[in-house]
Amino acid sequence: MASIRISKRWLLVVLVAAGQLVCLGIGVAWFANWLEGGLNTLVRQQVLSDNQHIAGQMASFVEHMGLTDLTVGDDDWQRLQDVVERFTLPNRGFLCVISATTGKLVCHPDMRRRPELADVAIGLVTLHGPDPQGTILEASSGPGGRARGWAHLPDGKHLIAVQSLPRLDAKVLAHQDEANVLRAIGRVMRPLRAMAILVLVVLIASGMLVTALIVRQYENRLADINANLEQLVEHRSRALTKTRDAVIFGLAKLAESRDDATGAHLDRIRGYSELLAAEVSRSRREIDEPMIRTIGITSSLHDIGKVGIADAVLLKPDVLTDRERDKIRRHVTIGGDTLLAIKRRLGEDDFLVTACEITLSHHERWDGTGYPYGLKGEQIPLAARIVALADFYDAMTTKRPYKEAVSHERAREMIVDGAGRHFDPKLVEAFLACQERFREVAANPPSGFDP
């Protein structure tokens, strides 16, 4: 499964906050609906219970009034109508009296203002649902002629409790408007919803703050780990580089010791090569500080192939024959093949690439008359051209068993004469620009390996 990587802190915080908002919002909405539904059921039951109690009290009061005739307009009716008009219930509630036989209104708070209500049959309270005309009530009954439920009247749904008046062949109905009951519940729920929203906002803000702090702490910790890791990697890289350079320089020293009595040849070659590379870097951007150091240390390997040359040929003090000279020339391919084998085992590496170039091509000439491949001009790797000039200068200014050393001035003349034939003309210019420092290196060669 592909993983999603979030690189910006604010985006992570927003995503976490959005997830919290969705989860908490769904939870709060569900809880609010559950609470409101529970309150609706509870309040309905309480209103019906209150209505039942009020209807029962009203029925008991009417019984004690001693009424006998509820014909509209008679004295008994007037007395009962006065009671009905004065009695009020919450939520636009009211009391009324209906005929138990016909279901018509007998008393109603608006009966005097609207005499026509006397002809209205609002329904019959039964256990079998609405009457055939579907005008009033679904109710449940109880002992003593009591019932309660709800009626769909012209002005809306009413919560109703019923109490029988057997002696008067009538029923007392206690009404409360359900819409007003629900509005009362809404008035209770509004501050609760507002409080829930406020709590939700506080929780989300707190969650975002905590998330931001956690992410910041994680980033700081990760930065510390990365910094420590970078330091550790750098330290180990330096240690490995020093170990590599020491081993390489040691091997080069071992090879060079076979025909170099002074033992300082490699130190000087390195110094000369770094001087030339640094001078060339002024005009060529591809030569940077790491490259200058690489050319300097890999220059030590330029003659490592001499380990494969017999002592009788390598150490011969007299002039070599053509056959012996051919054997000597094989040292470049021996060294190059050795380094190429290492490169194939380790893979691509700038250090080994430069070492191979120098080892194979430091005896090539600018005019194509060198060996082993007769490369010409820019075909010769720059690092090899640099080491070729450095090696020539050291060979000329150093005493060997078969020759005397020449002066710096004479070596300079020979290098200038070789420009365009033996050496890269641009490198000859670089040599002339830093030739005085060549004298310093010749007098005080740098250490072949800096511990």
Protein backbone atom coordinates (compact mmCIF):
# COMPACT_ATOMS: atom_id res chain seq x y z
CA MET A 1 0.00 0.00 0.00
CA ALA A 2 1.38 3.40 -0.99
CA SER A 3 2.00 5.79 1.87
CA ILE A 4 1.09 9.47 1.85
CA ARG A 5 3.90 11.77 2.74
CA ILE A 6 2.98 15.19 4.15
CA SER A 7 5.91 17.58 4.03
CA LYS A 8 4.30 20.80 5.39
CA ARG A 9 3.58 21.19 9.07
CA TRP A 10 0.52 23.39 8.62
CA LEU A 11 -1.04 20.92 6.18
CA LEU A 12 -0.59 18.09 8.67
CA VAL A 13 -2.15 20.18 11.44
CA VAL A 14 -5.10 21.14 9.19
CA LEU A 15 -5.67 17.53 8.17
CA VAL A 16 -5.62 16.35 11.78
CA ALA A 17 -7.96 19.19 12.79
CA ALA A 18 -10.29 18.39 9.89
CA GLY A 19 -10.39 14.74 10.93
CA GLN A 20 -11.12 15.73 14.51
CA LEU A 21 -13.80 18.20 13.36
CA VAL A 22 -15.56 15.56 11.27
CA CYS A 23 -15.45 12.92 14.02
CA LEU A 24 -16.44 15.29 16.81
CA GLY A 25 -19.06 17.02 14.65
CA ILE A 26 -20.70 13.70 13.80
CA GLY A 27 -20.53 12.69 17.46
CA VAL A 28 -22.00 15.98 18.70
CA ALA A 29 -24.75 15.97 16.06
CA TRP A 30 -25.68 12.37 16.89
CA PHE A 31 -25.68 13.12 20.61
CA ALA A 32 -27.77 16.27 20.13
CA ASN A 33 -30.33 14.41 18.02
CA TRP A 34 -30.39 11.55 20.51
CA LEU A 35 -30.82 13.97 23.39
CA GLU A 36 -33.52 15.95 21.61
CA GLY A 37 -35.37 12.78 20.66
CA GLY A 38 -35.15 11.55 24.23
CA LEU A 39 -36.36 14.91 25.55
CA ASN A 40 -39.25 14.92 23.07
CA THR A 41 -40.38 11.50 24.23
CA LEU A 42 -39.89 12.33 27.88
CA VAL A 43 -41.64 15.70 27.69
CA ARG A 44 -44.54 14.27 25.68
CA GLN A 45 -45.05 11.62 28.31
CA GLN A 46 -44.80 14.24 31.05
CA VAL A 47 -47.28 16.55 29.29
CA LEU A 48 -49.70 13.68 28.77
CA SER A 49 -49.29 12.72 32.43
CA ASP A 50 -49.91 16.34 33.50
CA ASN A 51 -52.92 16.56 31.22
CA GLN A 52 -54.26 13.35 32.70
CA HIS A 53 -53.85 14.72 36.18
CA ILE A 54 -55.51 18.03 35.27
CA ALA A 55 -58.38 16.25 33.47
CA GLY A 56 -58.91 14.05 36.52
CA GLN A 57 -59.00 17.05 38.86
CA MET A 58 -61.37 18.86 36.52
CA ALA A 59 -63.66 15.84 36.38
CA SER A 60 -63.67 15.59 40.17
CA PHE A 61 -64.41 19.32 40.45
CA VAL A 62 -67.31 19.06 38.01
CA GLU A 63 -68.71 16.11 39.92
CA HIS A 64 -68.71 18.22 43.11
CA MET A 65 -70.43 21.13 41.34
CA GLY A 66 -73.62 19.09 41.28
CA LEU A 67 -74.39 19.77 37.62
CA THR A 68 -77.31 17.89 36.09
CA ASP A 69 -78.04 19.47 32.70
CA LEU A 70 -75.36 20.57 30.22
CA THR A 71 -77.70 21.89 27.58
CA VAL A 72 -76.08 24.89 25.96
CA GLY A 73 -77.37 28.10 27.51
CA ASP A 74 -78.77 26.56 30.75
CA ASP A 75 -77.50 27.59 34.19
CA ASP A 76 -75.46 24.41 34.72
CA TRP A 77 -73.86 24.90 31.30
CA GLN A 78 -73.11 28.55 32.14
CA ARG A 79 -71.36 27.53 35.37
CA LEU A 80 -69.25 24.85 33.60
CA GLN A 81 -68.45 27.20 30.70
CA ASP A 82 -67.18 29.80 33.19
CA VAL A 83 -64.80 27.21 34.66
CA VAL A 84 -63.57 26.09 31.21
CA GLU A 85 -62.94 29.69 30.13
CA ARG A 86 -60.99 30.59 33.27
CA PHE A 87 -58.83 27.46 33.26
CA THR A 88 -55.63 27.63 31.17
CA LEU A 89 -52.85 25.12 30.53
CA PRO A 90 -49.26 25.65 29.35
CA ASN A 91 -48.34 25.58 25.65
CA ARG A 92 -51.61 27.17 24.50
CA GLY A 93 -53.45 24.43 26.37
CA PHE A 94 -57.12 24.46 27.33
CA LEU A 95 -59.92 22.35 28.71
CA CYS A 96 -63.08 21.34 26.88
CA VAL A 97 -66.02 19.03 27.47
CA ILE A 98 -67.53 16.81 24.81
CA SER A 99 -70.58 14.58 24.71
CA ALA A 100 -69.66 10.98 25.35
CA THR A 101 -72.39 9.92 22.95
CA THR A 102 -72.08 12.24 19.99
CA GLY A 103 -68.54 13.55 20.37
CA LYS A 104 -69.82 17.12 19.93
CA LEU A 105 -68.39 20.00 21.90
CA VAL A 106 -70.36 20.90 25.02
CA CYS A 107 -68.02 23.47 26.54
CA HIS A 108 -65.02 25.18 24.92
CA PRO A 109 -63.13 28.38 25.86
CA ASP A 110 -64.42 30.02 22.64
CA MET A 111 -67.97 28.68 22.81
CA ARG A 112 -69.60 32.02 23.78
CA ARG A 113 -67.80 33.89 21.00
CA ARG A 114 -68.36 31.14 18.49
CA PRO A 115 -71.74 29.49 19.14
CA GLU A 116 -71.33 27.41 16.02
CA LEU A 117 -68.80 25.23 17.89
CA ALA A 118 -71.75 23.55 19.57
CA ASP A 119 -72.42 21.77 16.29
CA VAL A 120 -68.83 20.54 15.90
CA ALA A 121 -68.14 16.89 16.65
CA ILE A 122 -64.41 16.80 17.27
CA GLY A 123 -64.30 13.05 17.77
CA LEU A 124 -64.79 10.10 19.97
CA VAL A 125 -62.19 8.84 22.40
CA THR A 126 -62.00 5.09 21.85
CA LEU A 127 -59.40 2.37 22.03
CA HIS A 128 -59.69 1.71 18.34
CA GLY A 129 -58.03 4.76 16.84
CA PRO A 130 -59.80 7.59 14.95
CA ASP A 131 -63.52 7.64 14.40
CA PRO A 132 -64.85 6.80 10.92
CA GLN A 133 -64.55 10.47 9.90
CA GLY A 134 -60.93 10.51 11.08
CA THR A 135 -61.41 13.68 13.10
CA ILE A 136 -59.65 13.23 16.39
CA LEU A 137 -57.82 10.80 18.49
CA GLU A 138 -55.39 7.95 18.82
CA ALA A 139 -55.35 7.13 22.49
CA SER A 140 -54.62 4.58 25.15
CA SER A 141 -57.09 3.92 27.96
CA GLY A 142 -56.76 3.46 31.65
CA PRO A 143 -58.96 2.67 34.58
CA GLY A 144 -61.84 4.98 35.50
CA GLY A 145 -62.62 6.06 31.93
CA ARG A 146 -59.27 7.73 31.44
CA ALA A 147 -57.41 7.92 28.13
CA ARG A 148 -54.56 9.88 26.63
CA GLY A 149 -52.95 10.29 23.23
CA TRP A 150 -52.86 12.84 20.47
CA ALA A 151 -55.37 14.39 18.15
CA HIS A 152 -54.92 16.05 14.76
CA LEU A 153 -57.05 19.17 14.98
CA PRO A 154 -57.37 22.03 12.46
CA ASP A 155 -54.78 24.12 14.30
CA GLY A 156 -52.30 21.26 14.59
CA LYS A 157 -51.52 18.24 16.64
CA HIS A 158 -52.62 18.28 20.32
CA LEU A 159 -51.53 16.16 23.21
CA ILE A 160 -54.75 15.19 24.96
CA ALA A 161 -55.81 13.44 28.15
CA VAL A 162 -59.40 12.35 28.65
CA GLN A 163 -61.43 11.80 31.82
CA SER A 164 -65.00 10.49 31.74
CA LEU A 165 -67.98 12.17 33.43
CA PRO A 166 -70.39 9.19 33.53
CA ARG A 167 -73.11 10.98 35.45
CA LEU A 168 -73.27 13.74 32.83
CA ASP A 169 -72.62 11.42 29.86
CA ALA A 170 -69.63 13.61 28.98
CA LYS A 171 -65.83 13.62 28.84
CA VAL A 172 -63.31 16.22 29.99
CA LEU A 173 -60.42 16.81 27.57
CA ALA A 174 -57.17 18.54 28.61
CA HIS A 175 -55.30 19.83 25.54
CA GLN A 176 -51.74 21.09 24.99
CA ASP A 177 -50.44 22.14 21.56
CA GLU A 178 -47.58 19.80 20.58
CA ALA A 179 -45.91 22.49 18.43
CA ASN A 180 -45.55 24.72 21.50
CA VAL A 181 -44.24 21.80 23.52
CA LEU A 182 -41.59 21.18 20.84
CA ARG A 183 -40.73 24.89 20.75
CA ALA A 184 -40.18 24.78 24.49
CA ILE A 185 -37.86 21.82 24.02
CA GLY A 186 -36.09 23.77 21.25
CA ARG A 187 -35.55 26.69 23.62
CA VAL A 188 -33.88 24.26 26.01
CA MET A 189 -31.79 22.66 23.23
CA ARG A 190 -30.52 25.93 21.69
CA PRO A 191 -28.16 26.83 24.56
CA LEU A 192 -27.11 23.19 24.76
CA ARG A 193 -26.30 23.17 21.05
CA ALA A 194 -24.44 26.49 21.40
CA MET A 195 -22.50 25.08 24.33
CA ALA A 196 -21.73 21.94 22.31
CA ILE A 197 -20.46 24.06 19.41
CA LEU A 198 -18.34 26.12 21.80
CA VAL A 199 -16.91 22.95 23.34
CA LEU A 200 -16.30 21.60 19.83
CA VAL A 201 -14.42 24.76 18.83
CA VAL A 202 -12.36 24.65 22.02
CA LEU A 203 -11.55 20.96 21.47
CA ILE A 204 -10.56 21.55 17.85
CA ALA A 205 -8.43 24.57 18.77
CA SER A 206 -6.82 22.61 21.58
CA GLY A 207 -6.31 19.65 19.26
CA MET A 208 -4.67 21.85 16.63
CA LEU A 209 -2.41 23.40 19.26
CA VAL A 210 -1.45 20.03 20.70
CA THR A 211 -0.94 18.59 17.22
CA ALA A 212 1.24 21.56 16.24
CA LEU A 213 3.29 21.17 19.43
CA ILE A 214 3.69 17.43 18.86
CA VAL A 215 4.69 17.96 15.23
CA ARG A 216 7.10 20.71 16.26
CA GLN A 217 8.60 18.48 18.95
CA TYR A 218 8.86 15.64 16.42
CA GLU A 219 10.51 17.93 13.89
CA ASN A 220 12.97 19.21 16.49
CA ARG A 221 13.76 15.66 17.54
CA LEU A 222 14.09 14.58 13.93
CA ALA A 223 16.33 17.58 13.22
CA ASP A 224 18.54 16.61 16.18
CA ILE A 225 18.70 13.03 14.96
CA ASN A 226 19.51 14.18 11.43
CA ALA A 227 22.16 16.56 12.70
CA ASN A 228 23.75 13.84 14.81
CA LEU A 229 23.46 11.41 11.92
CA GLU A 230 25.04 13.88 9.53
CA GLN A 231 27.88 14.45 11.97
CA LEU A 232 28.32 10.71 12.41
CA VAL A 233 28.23 10.09 8.66
CA GLU A 234 30.66 12.94 8.06
CA HIS A 235 32.97 11.66 10.79
CA ARG A 236 32.90 8.13 9.42
CA SER A 237 33.29 9.37 5.86
CA ARG A 238 36.35 11.31 6.87
CA ALA A 239 37.71 8.29 8.71
CA LEU A 240 37.09 6.05 5.70
CA THR A 241 38.63 8.62 3.37
CA LYS A 242 41.72 8.89 5.55
CA THR A 243 41.97 5.11 5.75
CA ARG A 244 41.56 4.82 1.98
CA ASP A 245 44.14 7.51 1.30
CA ALA A 246 46.57 5.96 3.75
CA VAL A 247 46.22 2.49 2.21
CA ILE A 248 46.51 3.84 -1.33
CA PHE A 249 49.49 6.00 -0.51
CA GLY A 250 51.11 3.09 1.33
CA LEU A 251 50.65 0.81 -1.69
CA ALA A 252 51.97 3.49 -4.00
CA LYS A 253 54.97 3.99 -1.72
CA LEU A 254 55.62 0.26 -1.77
CA ALA A 255 55.60 0.22 -5.56
CA GLU A 256 57.70 3.38 -5.86
CA SER A 257 60.29 2.20 -3.34
CA ARG A 258 61.51 -0.33 -5.84
CA ASP A 259 63.16 2.30 -8.01
CA ASP A 260 63.10 5.53 -5.98
CA ALA A 261 65.93 5.85 -3.49
CA THR A 262 64.69 9.12 -2.01
CA GLY A 263 61.15 7.94 -1.36
CA ALA A 264 59.85 11.52 -1.81
CA HIS A 265 58.83 11.18 -5.45
CA LEU A 266 55.15 10.57 -4.68
CA ASP A 267 55.04 13.47 -2.23
CA ARG A 268 56.41 15.83 -4.84
CA ILE A 269 54.12 14.51 -7.59
CA ARG A 270 51.16 15.13 -5.35
CA GLY A 271 52.30 18.67 -4.54
CA TYR A 272 52.95 19.51 -8.20
CA SER A 273 49.63 18.00 -9.33
CA GLU A 274 47.61 19.93 -6.74
CA LEU A 275 49.38 23.17 -7.69
CA LEU A 276 48.58 22.69 -11.36
CA ALA A 277 44.98 21.61 -10.66
CA ALA A 278 44.42 24.65 -8.42
CA GLU A 279 45.80 26.96 -11.13
CA VAL A 280 43.61 25.30 -13.79
CA SER A 281 40.54 25.66 -11.53
CA ARG A 282 40.70 29.43 -12.07
CA SER A 283 39.49 28.96 -15.63
CA ARG A 284 37.73 25.57 -15.51
CA ARG A 285 34.69 25.22 -13.25
CA GLU A 286 34.74 21.43 -13.25
CA ILE A 287 37.93 21.54 -11.15
CA ASP A 288 36.74 22.27 -7.59
CA GLU A 289 38.39 21.73 -4.21
CA PRO A 290 37.35 18.06 -3.87
CA MET A 291 38.60 17.41 -7.40
CA ILE A 292 41.94 19.08 -6.66
CA ARG A 293 42.37 16.82 -3.63
CA THR A 294 41.30 13.75 -5.64
CA ILE A 295 43.86 14.50 -8.35
CA GLY A 296 46.51 15.02 -5.69
CA ILE A 297 45.95 11.72 -3.86
CA THR A 298 45.30 9.62 -6.99
CA SER A 299 48.48 10.94 -8.57
CA SER A 300 50.27 8.67 -6.09
CA LEU A 301 48.96 5.68 -8.07
CA HIS A 302 50.33 6.75 -11.43
CA ASP A 303 53.16 4.19 -11.39
CA ILE A 304 51.57 1.46 -9.28
CA GLY A 305 51.83 -0.90 -12.24
CA LYS A 306 55.62 -1.04 -11.73
CA VAL A 307 55.04 -3.84 -9.21
CA GLY A 308 54.54 -6.06 -12.24
CA ILE A 309 57.87 -5.18 -13.86
CA ALA A 310 60.88 -7.39 -13.27
CA ASP A 311 63.71 -5.91 -11.16
CA ALA A 312 66.24 -6.66 -13.89
CA VAL A 313 64.44 -4.23 -16.15
CA LEU A 314 63.06 -1.78 -13.61
CA LEU A 315 66.34 -1.29 -11.73
CA LYS A 316 68.73 -1.48 -14.73
CA PRO A 317 71.20 1.45 -14.46
CA ASP A 318 72.13 1.44 -18.14
CA VAL A 319 70.19 2.53 -21.17
CA LEU A 320 67.24 0.22 -21.85
CA THR A 321 66.88 -1.74 -25.03
CA ASP A 322 63.75 -1.36 -27.14
CA ARG A 323 62.43 -4.66 -25.76
CA GLU A 324 63.13 -3.58 -22.20
CA ARG A 325 61.52 -0.23 -22.87
CA ASP A 326 58.39 -2.03 -24.09
CA LYS A 327 58.33 -4.01 -20.87
CA ILE A 328 58.64 -0.82 -18.82
CA ARG A 329 55.76 0.73 -20.75
CA ARG A 330 53.52 -2.15 -19.70
CA HIS A 331 53.33 -0.67 -16.19
CA VAL A 332 50.53 1.69 -17.25
CA THR A 333 48.26 -1.14 -18.42
CA ILE A 334 49.16 -3.30 -15.44
CA GLY A 335 48.23 -0.49 -13.06
CA GLY A 336 45.15 0.47 -15.09
CA ASP A 337 43.85 -3.10 -15.26
CA THR A 338 44.33 -3.47 -11.51
CA LEU A 339 42.34 -0.32 -10.75
CA LEU A 340 39.65 -1.20 -13.32
CA ALA A 341 39.19 -4.56 -11.60
CA ILE A 342 38.68 -2.75 -8.30
CA LYS A 343 36.27 -0.32 -9.97
CA ARG A 344 34.21 -3.18 -11.42
CA ARG A 345 33.95 -4.72 -7.96
CA LEU A 346 33.03 -1.48 -6.13
CA GLY A 347 30.99 0.26 -8.85
CA GLU A 348 31.19 3.83 -10.10
CA ASP A 349 33.35 6.07 -7.93
CA ASP A 350 34.89 9.45 -8.84
CA PHE A 351 38.08 8.58 -7.00
CA LEU A 352 38.62 5.31 -8.90
CA VAL A 353 37.62 6.89 -12.20
CA THR A 354 40.29 9.60 -11.75
CA ALA A 355 42.86 7.04 -10.57
CA CYS A 356 42.25 4.88 -13.67
CA GLU A 357 42.53 7.88 -15.98
CA ILE A 358 45.82 8.98 -14.44
CA THR A 359 47.35 5.49 -14.30
CA LEU A 360 46.44 4.62 -17.90
CA SER A 361 47.05 7.97 -19.59
CA HIS A 362 49.85 9.85 -17.79
CA HIS A 363 52.32 8.81 -20.55
CA GLU A 364 50.07 9.97 -23.41
CA ARG A 365 51.27 13.04 -25.34
CA TRP A 366 49.33 16.05 -26.61
CA ASP A 367 50.36 15.32 -30.23
CA GLY A 368 49.27 11.65 -30.01
CA THR A 369 52.76 10.09 -29.91
CA GLY A 370 52.45 8.77 -26.35
CA TYR A 371 51.42 5.34 -25.04
CA PRO A 372 49.62 3.02 -24.45
CA TYR A 373 46.77 4.14 -26.79
CA GLY A 374 48.19 7.13 -28.65
CA LEU A 375 45.48 9.50 -27.40
CA LYS A 376 45.66 13.04 -28.71
CA GLY A 377 44.74 16.48 -27.33
CA GLU A 378 41.47 16.63 -25.38
CA GLN A 379 41.11 12.85 -25.75
CA ILE A 380 43.57 12.60 -22.89
CA PRO A 381 41.80 13.04 -19.53
CA LEU A 382 42.65 16.37 -17.87
CA ALA A 383 43.81 14.70 -14.65
CA ALA A 384 46.26 12.54 -16.65
CA ARG A 385 47.58 15.61 -18.53
CA ILE A 386 48.19 17.38 -15.20
CA VAL A 387 50.06 14.40 -13.69
CA ALA A 388 52.04 13.94 -16.92
CA LEU A 389 53.49 17.44 -16.62
CA ALA A 390 54.10 17.05 -12.88
CA ASP A 391 55.82 13.68 -13.40
CA PHE A 392 58.01 15.07 -16.17
CA TYR A 393 59.11 18.03 -14.06
CA ASP A 394 60.01 15.75 -11.14
CA ALA A 395 61.83 13.29 -13.40
CA MET A 396 63.92 16.09 -14.87
CA THR A 397 64.79 17.82 -11.59
CA THR A 398 65.59 14.61 -9.67
CA LYS A 399 68.76 12.57 -9.84
CA ARG A 400 68.25 8.98 -10.97
CA PRO A 401 70.71 6.08 -11.23
CA TYR A 402 70.84 6.56 -14.98
CA LYS A 403 70.85 10.42 -15.11
CA GLU A 404 71.72 13.62 -13.32
CA ALA A 405 69.18 16.19 -12.19
CA VAL A 406 68.65 19.37 -14.23
CA SER A 407 67.91 22.82 -12.87
CA HIS A 408 64.45 24.29 -12.51
CA GLU A 409 65.21 26.71 -15.34
CA ARG A 410 66.26 23.91 -17.68
CA ALA A 411 63.15 21.85 -16.78
CA ARG A 412 61.00 24.92 -17.43
CA GLU A 413 62.59 25.36 -20.88
CA MET A 414 61.95 21.72 -21.72
CA ILE A 415 58.31 22.01 -20.65
CA VAL A 416 57.81 25.19 -22.68
CA ASP A 417 59.45 23.51 -25.70
CA GLY A 418 57.06 20.56 -25.25
CA ALA A 419 53.91 22.73 -25.31
CA GLY A 420 51.65 21.52 -28.11
CA ARG A 421 53.71 18.36 -28.60
CA HIS A 422 54.24 16.68 -25.28
CA PHE A 423 52.04 18.84 -23.06
CA ASP A 424 48.69 20.63 -23.15
CA PRO A 425 49.55 24.28 -23.98
CA LYS A 426 47.01 25.53 -21.40
CA LEU A 427 48.69 23.44 -18.72
CA VAL A 428 52.07 24.86 -19.70
CA GLU A 429 50.62 28.35 -19.12
CA ALA A 430 49.30 27.19 -15.74
CA PHE A 431 52.75 25.78 -14.89
CA LEU A 432 54.45 29.09 -15.76
CA ALA A 433 51.93 30.92 -13.55
CA CYS A 434 52.81 28.82 -10.50
CA GLN A 435 56.38 27.71 -11.26
CA GLU A 436 57.87 29.44 -8.22
CA ARG A 437 55.69 27.32 -5.98
CA PHE A 438 57.09 24.26 -7.81
CA ARG A 439 60.47 25.27 -6.38
CA GLU A 440 58.94 25.34 -2.88
CA VAL A 441 57.43 21.88 -3.29
CA ALA A 442 60.71 20.52 -4.60
CA ALA A 443 62.46 21.86 -1.50
CA ASN A 444 59.71 20.85 0.99
CA PRO A 445 57.44 18.14 -0.38
CA PRO A 446 54.04 17.84 1.35
CA SER A 447 53.23 14.78 3.40
CA GLY A 448 51.79 12.10 1.16
CA PHE A 449 49.08 11.38 3.74
CA ASP A 450 47.55 13.88 6.18
CA PRO A 451 46.41 11.96 9.26
